[in-house]
Amino acid sequence: MSKQTEKLKKQLLEISDVINAFKSEAVQVKIVERLLDTMMEGDRETEENINRGRIRHFVSDEHPRQRESLRKPGATKVLNQLLQTDYFDQPHSISDIATHCKEQYDSDFKTSELSGILLKLANESKLRRERSEENNRFEYVRAS
């Protein structure tokens, strides 16, 4: 049996005495139906809230490393902050950008995390993507 079925079975056993206290079988069935409907509605609302990002998982004190990483800004936010500075006045490779993010923002991003965001910024004409003549790799500089 699935975990959901096991959970439901356990919950029904817990409330069986209350339901069986009613003499009418029709009333018992009605109560069980209402309980099941309410439970299913609650599950749907929980799923919708999770999908909307309204429910956040909080990390306990047992995992300070995870809690710390939750507070750090993501790659998109860090790159947008970099755009506000003069950093992109000079061309930089993805590895240069990753190193700068580590040193200045204490954010350890993989180059693969940054590449898609940098490409998007280039497509939005916020950055220009140019091939370096030295190493034939892309470098990013502020769009004029």
N, C-alpha and C. Protein backbone atom coordinates (compact mmCIF):
# COMPACT_ATOMS: atom_id res chain seq x y z
N MET A 1 0.83 -1.20 0.00
CA MET A 1 0.00 0.00 0.00
C MET A 1 0.87 1.25 0.00
N SER A 2 0.33 2.29 -0.57
CA SER A 2 1.08 3.54 -0.61
C SER A 2 1.07 4.21 0.76
N LYS A 3 1.97 5.15 0.93
CA LYS A 3 2.05 5.89 2.19
C LYS A 3 0.76 6.65 2.46
N GLN A 4 0.19 7.21 1.38
CA GLN A 4 -1.05 7.97 1.51
C GLN A 4 -2.18 7.08 2.02
N THR A 5 -2.28 5.87 1.47
CA THR A 5 -3.33 4.93 1.89
C THR A 5 -3.13 4.51 3.34
N GLU A 6 -1.89 4.24 3.70
CA GLU A 6 -1.58 3.85 5.08
C GLU A 6 -1.95 4.98 6.05
N LYS A 7 -1.63 6.19 5.67
CA LYS A 7 -1.95 7.35 6.50
C LYS A 7 -3.46 7.49 6.68
N LEU A 8 -4.18 7.34 5.58
CA LEU A 8 -5.64 7.44 5.62
C LEU A 8 -6.23 6.34 6.49
N LYS A 9 -5.74 5.14 6.34
CA LYS A 9 -6.23 4.00 7.12
C LYS A 9 -6.02 4.25 8.62
N LYS A 10 -4.85 4.76 8.98
CA LYS A 10 -4.55 5.06 10.38
C LYS A 10 -5.48 6.13 10.93
N GLN A 11 -5.73 7.17 10.12
CA GLN A 11 -6.62 8.24 10.56
C GLN A 11 -8.05 7.75 10.74
N LEU A 12 -8.50 6.89 9.84
CA LEU A 12 -9.86 6.34 9.96
C LEU A 12 -9.99 5.47 11.21
N LEU A 13 -8.96 4.72 11.53
CA LEU A 13 -8.99 3.91 12.75
C LEU A 13 -9.08 4.79 13.99
N GLU A 14 -8.40 5.93 13.96
CA GLU A 14 -8.42 6.85 15.10
C GLU A 14 -9.81 7.45 15.34
N ILE A 15 -10.57 7.67 14.27
CA ILE A 15 -11.89 8.30 14.43
C ILE A 15 -13.04 7.29 14.39
N SER A 16 -12.72 6.01 14.25
CA SER A 16 -13.77 5.00 14.10
C SER A 16 -14.72 4.95 15.31
N ASP A 17 -14.20 5.12 16.52
CA ASP A 17 -15.07 5.07 17.71
C ASP A 17 -16.12 6.19 17.67
N VAL A 18 -15.71 7.37 17.26
CA VAL A 18 -16.63 8.50 17.19
C VAL A 18 -17.70 8.24 16.13
N ILE A 19 -17.27 7.75 14.97
CA ILE A 19 -18.22 7.49 13.88
C ILE A 19 -19.19 6.38 14.25
N ASN A 20 -18.66 5.33 14.87
CA ASN A 20 -19.52 4.19 15.24
C ASN A 20 -20.49 4.53 16.37
N ALA A 21 -20.27 5.63 17.06
CA ALA A 21 -21.19 6.06 18.12
C ALA A 21 -22.55 6.45 17.53
N PHE A 22 -22.57 6.84 16.27
CA PHE A 22 -23.84 7.15 15.61
C PHE A 22 -24.52 5.85 15.22
N LYS A 23 -25.84 5.75 15.51
CA LYS A 23 -26.58 4.52 15.26
C LYS A 23 -26.91 4.35 13.77
N SER A 24 -27.13 5.46 13.10
CA SER A 24 -27.54 5.41 11.70
C SER A 24 -26.32 5.22 10.79
N GLU A 25 -26.41 4.17 9.97
CA GLU A 25 -25.34 3.90 9.02
C GLU A 25 -25.23 5.03 7.98
N ALA A 26 -26.37 5.60 7.63
CA ALA A 26 -26.38 6.70 6.66
C ALA A 26 -25.62 7.91 7.21
N VAL A 27 -25.79 8.18 8.51
CA VAL A 27 -25.09 9.28 9.15
C VAL A 27 -23.59 8.98 9.18
N GLN A 28 -23.23 7.75 9.49
CA GLN A 28 -21.82 7.36 9.52
C GLN A 28 -21.17 7.56 8.14
N VAL A 29 -21.85 7.12 7.12
CA VAL A 29 -21.32 7.26 5.75
C VAL A 29 -21.16 8.74 5.40
N LYS A 30 -22.18 9.52 5.76
CA LYS A 30 -22.14 10.96 5.47
C LYS A 30 -20.95 11.63 6.16
N ILE A 31 -20.69 11.27 7.41
CA ILE A 31 -19.58 11.85 8.16
C ILE A 31 -18.24 11.48 7.51
N VAL A 32 -18.10 10.21 7.14
CA VAL A 32 -16.86 9.76 6.51
C VAL A 32 -16.66 10.48 5.17
N GLU A 33 -17.73 10.63 4.41
CA GLU A 33 -17.62 11.34 3.12
C GLU A 33 -17.16 12.78 3.34
N ARG A 34 -17.77 13.44 4.30
CA ARG A 34 -17.40 14.84 4.58
C ARG A 34 -15.94 14.95 5.02
N LEU A 35 -15.50 14.03 5.87
CA LEU A 35 -14.11 14.03 6.31
C LEU A 35 -13.14 13.83 5.14
N LEU A 36 -13.47 12.88 4.28
CA LEU A 36 -12.62 12.61 3.13
C LEU A 36 -12.58 13.81 2.18
N ASP A 37 -13.74 14.43 1.96
CA ASP A 37 -13.79 15.62 1.11
C ASP A 37 -12.94 16.75 1.69
N THR A 38 -13.05 16.94 2.99
CA THR A 38 -12.28 17.99 3.66
C THR A 38 -10.79 17.71 3.56
N MET A 39 -10.41 16.45 3.77
CA MET A 39 -9.00 16.08 3.68
C MET A 39 -8.46 16.29 2.27
N MET A 40 -9.24 15.91 1.27
CA MET A 40 -8.80 16.07 -0.12
C MET A 40 -8.70 17.54 -0.48
N GLU A 41 -9.63 18.35 0.00
CA GLU A 41 -9.59 19.79 -0.26
C GLU A 41 -8.35 20.40 0.39
N GLY A 42 -8.04 19.97 1.59
CA GLY A 42 -6.85 20.46 2.28
C GLY A 42 -5.58 20.08 1.54
N ASP A 43 -5.53 18.85 1.00
CA ASP A 43 -4.37 18.42 0.22
C ASP A 43 -4.23 19.26 -1.04
N ARG A 44 -5.36 19.57 -1.71
CA ARG A 44 -5.32 20.39 -2.93
C ARG A 44 -4.81 21.79 -2.61
N GLU A 45 -5.29 22.37 -1.51
CA GLU A 45 -4.86 23.72 -1.13
C GLU A 45 -3.37 23.74 -0.80
N THR A 46 -2.91 22.71 -0.10
CA THR A 46 -1.50 22.61 0.24
C THR A 46 -0.66 22.52 -1.03
N GLU A 47 -1.09 21.69 -1.97
CA GLU A 47 -0.36 21.55 -3.23
C GLU A 47 -0.35 22.86 -4.01
N GLU A 48 -1.48 23.56 -4.04
CA GLU A 48 -1.54 24.84 -4.73
C GLU A 48 -0.60 25.86 -4.08
N ASN A 49 -0.58 25.88 -2.75
CA ASN A 49 0.29 26.81 -2.04
C ASN A 49 1.76 26.51 -2.30
N ILE A 50 2.09 25.23 -2.35
CA ILE A 50 3.47 24.84 -2.65
C ILE A 50 3.82 25.29 -4.06
N ASN A 51 2.91 25.07 -5.00
CA ASN A 51 3.16 25.47 -6.39
C ASN A 51 3.31 26.98 -6.52
N ARG A 52 2.61 27.73 -5.69
CA ARG A 52 2.71 29.19 -5.74
C ARG A 52 3.89 29.70 -4.92
N GLY A 53 4.55 28.81 -4.19
CA GLY A 53 5.71 29.22 -3.41
C GLY A 53 5.35 29.86 -2.09
N ARG A 54 4.12 29.64 -1.64
CA ARG A 54 3.71 30.28 -0.38
C ARG A 54 4.17 29.52 0.84
N ILE A 55 4.41 28.23 0.68
CA ILE A 55 4.88 27.45 1.82
C ILE A 55 6.39 27.36 1.70
N ARG A 56 7.08 27.77 2.73
CA ARG A 56 8.53 27.73 2.73
C ARG A 56 8.96 26.71 3.78
N HIS A 57 9.98 25.98 3.43
CA HIS A 57 10.53 25.01 4.37
C HIS A 57 11.60 25.70 5.19
N PHE A 58 11.44 25.66 6.50
CA PHE A 58 12.41 26.27 7.37
C PHE A 58 13.38 25.20 7.84
N VAL A 59 14.63 25.57 7.89
CA VAL A 59 15.68 24.65 8.26
C VAL A 59 15.95 24.81 9.74
N SER A 60 16.11 23.70 10.43
CA SER A 60 16.35 23.75 11.87
C SER A 60 17.79 24.14 12.16
N ASP A 61 18.09 24.36 13.43
CA ASP A 61 19.44 24.73 13.84
C ASP A 61 20.44 23.60 13.62
N GLU A 62 19.93 22.38 13.39
CA GLU A 62 20.82 21.26 13.19
C GLU A 62 21.58 21.37 11.86
N HIS A 63 21.09 22.21 10.94
CA HIS A 63 21.70 22.35 9.62
C HIS A 63 22.05 23.80 9.35
N PRO A 64 23.02 24.36 10.08
CA PRO A 64 23.34 25.78 9.89
C PRO A 64 23.86 26.08 8.49
N ARG A 65 24.49 25.14 7.85
CA ARG A 65 25.00 25.36 6.50
C ARG A 65 23.86 25.57 5.51
N GLN A 66 22.79 24.75 5.63
CA GLN A 66 21.63 24.92 4.76
C GLN A 66 20.94 26.24 5.05
N ARG A 67 20.81 26.58 6.32
CA ARG A 67 20.14 27.82 6.69
C ARG A 67 20.90 29.02 6.11
N GLU A 68 22.23 28.95 6.15
CA GLU A 68 23.05 30.03 5.61
C GLU A 68 22.86 30.15 4.10
N SER A 69 22.77 29.01 3.41
CA SER A 69 22.64 29.06 1.96
C SER A 69 21.28 29.59 1.54
N LEU A 70 20.27 29.48 2.40
CA LEU A 70 18.95 30.01 2.08
C LEU A 70 18.96 31.53 2.04
N ARG A 71 19.87 32.16 2.77
CA ARG A 71 19.92 33.61 2.84
C ARG A 71 20.73 34.24 1.71
N LYS A 72 21.54 33.45 1.04
CA LYS A 72 22.38 33.99 -0.02
C LYS A 72 21.54 34.26 -1.26
N PRO A 73 21.85 35.35 -1.94
CA PRO A 73 21.12 35.65 -3.17
C PRO A 73 21.50 34.67 -4.28
N GLY A 74 20.59 34.47 -5.20
CA GLY A 74 20.83 33.57 -6.32
C GLY A 74 21.68 34.23 -7.38
N ALA A 75 22.02 33.45 -8.39
CA ALA A 75 22.90 33.93 -9.45
C ALA A 75 22.28 35.10 -10.21
N THR A 76 21.00 35.04 -10.49
CA THR A 76 20.34 36.12 -11.22
C THR A 76 20.44 37.43 -10.44
N LYS A 77 20.17 37.36 -9.16
CA LYS A 77 20.21 38.56 -8.33
C LYS A 77 21.63 39.14 -8.26
N VAL A 78 22.61 38.26 -8.09
CA VAL A 78 24.00 38.72 -8.00
C VAL A 78 24.44 39.35 -9.32
N LEU A 79 24.09 38.72 -10.44
CA LEU A 79 24.48 39.29 -11.74
C LEU A 79 23.78 40.63 -11.99
N ASN A 80 22.54 40.75 -11.58
CA ASN A 80 21.85 42.04 -11.72
C ASN A 80 22.49 43.10 -10.83
N GLN A 81 22.98 42.71 -9.66
CA GLN A 81 23.70 43.64 -8.80
C GLN A 81 25.01 44.06 -9.46
N LEU A 82 25.68 43.10 -10.10
CA LEU A 82 26.92 43.41 -10.80
C LEU A 82 26.68 44.39 -11.94
N LEU A 83 25.54 44.27 -12.59
CA LEU A 83 25.20 45.20 -13.67
C LEU A 83 25.10 46.63 -13.17
N GLN A 84 24.75 46.82 -11.92
CA GLN A 84 24.61 48.15 -11.34
C GLN A 84 25.98 48.78 -11.03
N THR A 85 27.02 47.96 -11.05
CA THR A 85 28.36 48.47 -10.77
C THR A 85 29.11 48.69 -12.09
N ASP A 86 30.37 49.07 -11.99
CA ASP A 86 31.18 49.26 -13.20
C ASP A 86 31.93 47.98 -13.60
N TYR A 87 31.58 46.85 -13.00
CA TYR A 87 32.29 45.59 -13.26
C TYR A 87 32.28 45.22 -14.74
N PHE A 88 31.16 45.37 -15.39
CA PHE A 88 31.04 44.96 -16.78
C PHE A 88 31.51 46.05 -17.77
N ASP A 89 32.16 47.08 -17.27
CA ASP A 89 32.74 48.07 -18.17
C ASP A 89 33.93 47.45 -18.92
N GLN A 90 34.51 46.43 -18.33
CA GLN A 90 35.60 45.67 -18.96
C GLN A 90 35.10 44.26 -19.25
N PRO A 91 35.56 43.62 -20.32
CA PRO A 91 35.11 42.25 -20.64
C PRO A 91 35.60 41.24 -19.60
N HIS A 92 34.73 40.28 -19.28
CA HIS A 92 35.07 39.22 -18.32
C HIS A 92 34.55 37.89 -18.82
N SER A 93 35.34 36.85 -18.62
CA SER A 93 34.89 35.50 -18.97
C SER A 93 33.97 34.98 -17.88
N ILE A 94 33.29 33.88 -18.16
CA ILE A 94 32.39 33.29 -17.17
C ILE A 94 33.17 32.89 -15.93
N SER A 95 34.34 32.32 -16.11
CA SER A 95 35.12 31.91 -14.93
C SER A 95 35.57 33.12 -14.11
N ASP A 96 35.90 34.24 -14.79
CA ASP A 96 36.23 35.48 -14.06
C ASP A 96 35.04 35.96 -13.23
N ILE A 97 33.86 35.89 -13.85
CA ILE A 97 32.63 36.35 -13.18
C ILE A 97 32.35 35.46 -11.97
N ALA A 98 32.50 34.14 -12.13
CA ALA A 98 32.27 33.20 -11.02
C ALA A 98 33.24 33.48 -9.88
N THR A 99 34.50 33.74 -10.21
CA THR A 99 35.50 34.04 -9.18
C THR A 99 35.15 35.35 -8.47
N HIS A 100 34.75 36.34 -9.23
CA HIS A 100 34.37 37.64 -8.65
C HIS A 100 33.17 37.48 -7.70
N CYS A 101 32.19 36.69 -8.12
CA CYS A 101 31.00 36.45 -7.26
C CYS A 101 31.41 35.77 -5.96
N LYS A 102 32.35 34.85 -6.03
CA LYS A 102 32.82 34.14 -4.84
C LYS A 102 33.53 35.11 -3.90
N GLU A 103 34.38 35.96 -4.46
CA GLU A 103 35.17 36.87 -3.63
C GLU A 103 34.34 38.03 -3.08
N GLN A 104 33.51 38.62 -3.91
CA GLN A 104 32.79 39.83 -3.51
C GLN A 104 31.44 39.56 -2.85
N TYR A 105 30.78 38.47 -3.24
CA TYR A 105 29.42 38.21 -2.74
C TYR A 105 29.33 36.93 -1.93
N ASP A 106 30.46 36.24 -1.75
CA ASP A 106 30.50 34.96 -1.03
C ASP A 106 29.47 33.99 -1.61
N SER A 107 29.33 34.01 -2.93
CA SER A 107 28.40 33.13 -3.63
C SER A 107 29.19 32.26 -4.59
N ASP A 108 29.20 30.97 -4.30
CA ASP A 108 29.99 30.03 -5.08
C ASP A 108 29.13 29.44 -6.20
N PHE A 109 29.14 30.09 -7.36
CA PHE A 109 28.34 29.63 -8.50
C PHE A 109 29.22 28.85 -9.46
N LYS A 110 28.63 27.81 -10.03
CA LYS A 110 29.30 27.09 -11.11
C LYS A 110 29.13 27.92 -12.37
N THR A 111 30.06 27.77 -13.29
CA THR A 111 29.96 28.52 -14.54
C THR A 111 28.69 28.13 -15.30
N SER A 112 28.26 26.89 -15.13
CA SER A 112 27.03 26.44 -15.81
C SER A 112 25.79 27.16 -15.26
N GLU A 113 25.84 27.56 -13.99
CA GLU A 113 24.73 28.32 -13.40
C GLU A 113 24.67 29.73 -13.97
N LEU A 114 25.83 30.28 -14.28
CA LEU A 114 25.91 31.65 -14.76
C LEU A 114 25.68 31.79 -16.26
N SER A 115 26.04 30.77 -17.02
CA SER A 115 26.03 30.90 -18.48
C SER A 115 24.66 31.23 -19.05
N GLY A 116 23.63 30.56 -18.59
CA GLY A 116 22.28 30.82 -19.10
C GLY A 116 21.80 32.22 -18.75
N ILE A 117 22.11 32.67 -17.56
CA ILE A 117 21.69 34.01 -17.12
C ILE A 117 22.44 35.08 -17.92
N LEU A 118 23.73 34.84 -18.14
CA LEU A 118 24.52 35.78 -18.93
C LEU A 118 24.02 35.85 -20.37
N LEU A 119 23.65 34.70 -20.92
CA LEU A 119 23.11 34.69 -22.28
C LEU A 119 21.80 35.47 -22.34
N LYS A 120 20.96 35.29 -21.33
CA LYS A 120 19.69 36.03 -21.26
C LYS A 120 19.94 37.53 -21.19
N LEU A 121 20.91 37.94 -20.38
CA LEU A 121 21.24 39.36 -20.27
C LEU A 121 21.78 39.90 -21.60
N ALA A 122 22.50 39.05 -22.32
CA ALA A 122 22.99 39.45 -23.64
C ALA A 122 21.83 39.58 -24.63
N ASN A 123 20.88 38.65 -24.56
CA ASN A 123 19.71 38.71 -25.44
C ASN A 123 18.83 39.92 -25.13
N GLU A 124 18.86 40.36 -23.88
CA GLU A 124 18.10 41.55 -23.47
C GLU A 124 18.88 42.84 -23.73
N SER A 125 20.03 42.73 -24.37
CA SER A 125 20.90 43.86 -24.72
C SER A 125 21.42 44.62 -23.49
N LYS A 126 21.52 43.92 -22.37
CA LYS A 126 22.14 44.52 -21.19
C LYS A 126 23.64 44.27 -21.19
N LEU A 127 24.02 43.13 -21.79
CA LEU A 127 25.43 42.78 -21.95
C LEU A 127 25.68 42.42 -23.42
N ARG A 128 26.94 42.51 -23.81
CA ARG A 128 27.35 42.02 -25.12
C ARG A 128 28.22 40.80 -24.89
N ARG A 129 28.05 39.82 -25.73
CA ARG A 129 28.83 38.59 -25.64
C ARG A 129 29.80 38.58 -26.83
N GLU A 130 31.08 38.57 -26.52
CA GLU A 130 32.10 38.63 -27.56
C GLU A 130 33.10 37.51 -27.37
N ARG A 131 33.64 37.01 -28.48
CA ARG A 131 34.69 35.99 -28.40
C ARG A 131 36.03 36.67 -28.13
N SER A 132 36.76 36.12 -27.19
CA SER A 132 38.09 36.62 -26.87
C SER A 132 39.06 36.13 -27.95
N GLU A 133 39.91 37.01 -28.43
CA GLU A 133 40.91 36.61 -29.42
C GLU A 133 42.02 35.78 -28.79
N GLU A 134 42.24 35.98 -27.49
CA GLU A 134 43.30 35.26 -26.80
C GLU A 134 43.01 33.78 -26.63
N ASN A 135 41.79 33.46 -26.16
CA ASN A 135 41.49 32.06 -25.85
C ASN A 135 40.24 31.53 -26.55
N ASN A 136 39.64 32.33 -27.42
CA ASN A 136 38.46 31.95 -28.20
C ASN A 136 37.24 31.60 -27.32
N ARG A 137 37.21 32.15 -26.12
CA ARG A 137 36.06 31.95 -25.23
C ARG A 137 35.24 33.23 -25.18
N PHE A 138 33.97 33.07 -24.78
CA PHE A 138 33.10 34.23 -24.71
C PHE A 138 33.47 35.09 -23.50
N GLU A 139 33.37 36.38 -23.70
CA GLU A 139 33.51 37.35 -22.63
C GLU A 139 32.30 38.26 -22.66
N TYR A 140 31.96 38.78 -21.51
CA TYR A 140 30.76 39.61 -21.38
C TYR A 140 31.15 41.01 -20.96
N VAL A 141 30.57 41.99 -21.66
CA VAL A 141 30.84 43.39 -21.39
C VAL A 141 29.52 44.15 -21.50
N ARG A 142 29.43 45.26 -20.80
CA ARG A 142 28.20 46.06 -20.82
C ARG A 142 27.86 46.48 -22.25
N ALA A 143 26.61 46.36 -22.62
CA ALA A 143 26.18 46.79 -23.95
C ALA A 143 26.18 48.32 -24.01
N SER A 144 26.62 48.85 -25.10
CA SER A 144 26.72 50.32 -25.23
C SER A 144 25.37 50.94 -25.44
